[in-house]
Amino acid sequence: MILKRSDRFEIEIEEIIDFIAMDSPNRALAFYDELIVKINEIPLSPYIYRVQSSSYDTALRELIFKGYTIPFFIDFKKEMIIILGIFNQNMWE
């Protein structure tokens, strides 16, 4: 499956990395690198991740990473996984 990151995800991850970098640029870089590795593993087994709790659509799933939730959508027809965003706890709308 193809993995695509939405514009929203790119904006949100940049904000998170900038915030972490204010305290420690090295920690921000390590966080980003580890997160990208986890995201790149999603296409290998997308169905092992939990179904988003507020949805009954089994194509809408979540990766949990260091307290952050990364929702993604499995588009069966296009054989694509779309990373929708990233948020901490219940802050995403």
C-alpha atoms as a PDB file:
ATOM      1  CA  MET A   1       0.000   0.000   0.000  1.00  0.00           C
ATOM      2  CA  ILE A   2       1.052   3.555  -0.669  1.00  0.00           C
ATOM      3  CA  LEU A   3       1.555   5.777   2.378  1.00  0.00           C
ATOM      4  CA  LYS A   4       0.537   9.427   2.096  1.00  0.00           C
ATOM      5  CA  ARG A   5       0.848  12.118   4.755  1.00  0.00           C
ATOM      6  CA  SER A   6      -1.839  14.802   4.681  1.00  0.00           C
ATOM      7  CA  ASP A   7      -1.009  18.502   4.693  1.00  0.00           C
ATOM      8  CA  ARG A   8      -2.660  18.701   8.089  1.00  0.00           C
ATOM      9  CA  PHE A   9      -0.293  16.059   9.476  1.00  0.00           C
ATOM     10  CA  GLU A  10       2.726  17.923   8.097  1.00  0.00           C
ATOM     11  CA  ILE A  11       1.610  21.169   9.758  1.00  0.00           C
ATOM     12  CA  GLU A  12       0.803  19.512  13.084  1.00  0.00           C
ATOM     13  CA  ILE A  13       4.043  17.517  13.266  1.00  0.00           C
ATOM     14  CA  GLU A  14       6.061  20.640  12.487  1.00  0.00           C
ATOM     15  CA  GLU A  15       4.372  22.470  15.377  1.00  0.00           C
ATOM     16  CA  ILE A  16       5.060  19.566  17.749  1.00  0.00           C
ATOM     17  CA  ILE A  17       8.702  19.272  16.681  1.00  0.00           C
ATOM     18  CA  ASP A  18       9.211  23.035  17.041  1.00  0.00           C
ATOM     19  CA  PHE A  19       7.742  22.891  20.553  1.00  0.00           C
ATOM     20  CA  ILE A  20       9.967  19.976  21.615  1.00  0.00           C
ATOM     21  CA  ALA A  21      13.005  21.670  20.028  1.00  0.00           C
ATOM     22  CA  MET A  22      12.577  24.698  22.298  1.00  0.00           C
ATOM     23  CA  ASP A  23      13.633  22.404  25.144  1.00  0.00           C
ATOM     24  CA  SER A  24      15.980  20.056  23.272  1.00  0.00           C
ATOM     25  CA  PRO A  25      16.701  20.054  19.530  1.00  0.00           C
ATOM     26  CA  ASN A  26      18.271  16.591  19.802  1.00  0.00           C
ATOM     27  CA  ARG A  27      15.184  15.182  21.515  1.00  0.00           C
ATOM     28  CA  ALA A  28      12.968  16.760  18.847  1.00  0.00           C
ATOM     29  CA  LEU A  29      14.997  15.143  16.076  1.00  0.00           C
ATOM     30  CA  ALA A  30      14.965  11.754  17.827  1.00  0.00           C
ATOM     31  CA  PHE A  31      11.184  12.002  18.358  1.00  0.00           C
ATOM     32  CA  TYR A  32      10.626  12.806  14.683  1.00  0.00           C
ATOM     33  CA  ASP A  33      12.912  10.021  13.457  1.00  0.00           C
ATOM     34  CA  GLU A  34      11.274   7.412  15.718  1.00  0.00           C
ATOM     35  CA  LEU A  35       7.788   8.561  14.717  1.00  0.00           C
ATOM     36  CA  ILE A  36       8.539   8.338  10.996  1.00  0.00           C
ATOM     37  CA  VAL A  37       9.880   4.794  11.460  1.00  0.00           C
ATOM     38  CA  LYS A  38       6.607   3.813  13.203  1.00  0.00           C
ATOM     39  CA  ILE A  39       4.477   5.488  10.534  1.00  0.00           C
ATOM     40  CA  ASN A  40       6.426   3.766   7.755  1.00  0.00           C
ATOM     41  CA  GLU A  41       5.624   0.407   9.404  1.00  0.00           C
ATOM     42  CA  ILE A  42       1.844   0.954   9.118  1.00  0.00           C
ATOM     43  CA  PRO A  43       1.508  -0.450   5.550  1.00  0.00           C
ATOM     44  CA  LEU A  44       3.100  -3.736   6.643  1.00  0.00           C
ATOM     45  CA  SER A  45       0.108  -4.573   8.907  1.00  0.00           C
ATOM     46  CA  PRO A  46      -2.424  -1.732   8.952  1.00  0.00           C
ATOM     47  CA  TYR A  47      -5.113  -3.837  10.624  1.00  0.00           C
ATOM     48  CA  ILE A  48      -3.145  -4.428  13.836  1.00  0.00           C
ATOM     49  CA  TYR A  49      -3.821  -0.836  14.906  1.00  0.00           C
ATOM     50  CA  ARG A  50      -6.937  -0.046  16.865  1.00  0.00           C
ATOM     51  CA  VAL A  51     -10.091   1.241  15.222  1.00  0.00           C
ATOM     52  CA  GLN A  52     -10.609   4.888  16.099  1.00  0.00           C
ATOM     53  CA  SER A  53     -12.733   4.927  19.246  1.00  0.00           C
ATOM     54  CA  SER A  54     -15.166   7.566  17.965  1.00  0.00           C
ATOM     55  CA  SER A  55     -15.850   5.727  14.702  1.00  0.00           C
ATOM     56  CA  TYR A  56     -17.487   2.522  13.565  1.00  0.00           C
ATOM     57  CA  ASP A  57     -15.550   2.635  10.298  1.00  0.00           C
ATOM     58  CA  THR A  58     -12.887  -0.080  10.434  1.00  0.00           C
ATOM     59  CA  ALA A  59     -10.867   1.803   7.808  1.00  0.00           C
ATOM     60  CA  LEU A  60     -10.241   4.628  10.296  1.00  0.00           C
ATOM     61  CA  ARG A  61      -7.486   3.563  12.693  1.00  0.00           C
ATOM     62  CA  GLU A  62      -4.977   5.019  15.153  1.00  0.00           C
ATOM     63  CA  LEU A  63      -1.303   4.632  15.911  1.00  0.00           C
ATOM     64  CA  ILE A  64      -0.380   5.597  19.476  1.00  0.00           C
ATOM     65  CA  PHE A  65       3.176   6.900  19.905  1.00  0.00           C
ATOM     66  CA  LYS A  66       4.617   8.430  23.093  1.00  0.00           C
ATOM     67  CA  GLY A  67       1.277   9.896  24.177  1.00  0.00           C
ATOM     68  CA  TYR A  68       0.353  11.129  20.704  1.00  0.00           C
ATOM     69  CA  THR A  69      -2.428   9.722  18.549  1.00  0.00           C
ATOM     70  CA  ILE A  70      -1.891   9.491  14.811  1.00  0.00           C
ATOM     71  CA  PRO A  71      -5.192   8.757  13.029  1.00  0.00           C
ATOM     72  CA  PHE A  72      -5.021   7.227   9.578  1.00  0.00           C
ATOM     73  CA  PHE A  73      -7.464   6.084   6.923  1.00  0.00           C
ATOM     74  CA  ILE A  74      -7.106   2.903   4.886  1.00  0.00           C
ATOM     75  CA  ASP A  75      -8.422   3.611   1.377  1.00  0.00           C
ATOM     76  CA  PHE A  76      -9.102   0.132   0.009  1.00  0.00           C
ATOM     77  CA  LYS A  77      -9.966   1.245  -3.523  1.00  0.00           C
ATOM     78  CA  LYS A  78      -6.797   3.282  -4.039  1.00  0.00           C
ATOM     79  CA  GLU A  79      -4.657   0.897  -1.982  1.00  0.00           C
ATOM     80  CA  MET A  80      -3.464   3.876   0.018  1.00  0.00           C
ATOM     81  CA  ILE A  81      -3.040   4.756   3.676  1.00  0.00           C
ATOM     82  CA  ILE A  82      -3.519   8.426   4.498  1.00  0.00           C
ATOM     83  CA  ILE A  83      -2.000   9.814   7.695  1.00  0.00           C
ATOM     84  CA  LEU A  84      -4.629  12.342   8.772  1.00  0.00           C
ATOM     85  CA  GLY A  85      -2.912  14.206  11.602  1.00  0.00           C
ATOM     86  CA  ILE A  86      -1.274  13.949  15.002  1.00  0.00           C
ATOM     87  CA  PHE A  87      -2.511  15.112  18.379  1.00  0.00           C
ATOM     88  CA  ASN A  88      -1.876  14.756  22.073  1.00  0.00           C
ATOM     89  CA  GLN A  89      -4.791  13.333  24.095  1.00  0.00           C
ATOM     90  CA  ASN A  90      -8.174  14.783  23.030  1.00  0.00           C
ATOM     91  CA  MET A  91      -6.998  17.989  21.385  1.00  0.00           C
ATOM     92  CA  TRP A  92      -7.733  17.142  17.726  1.00  0.00           C
ATOM     93  CA  GLU A  93     -10.876  18.231  15.909  1.00  0.00           C
END
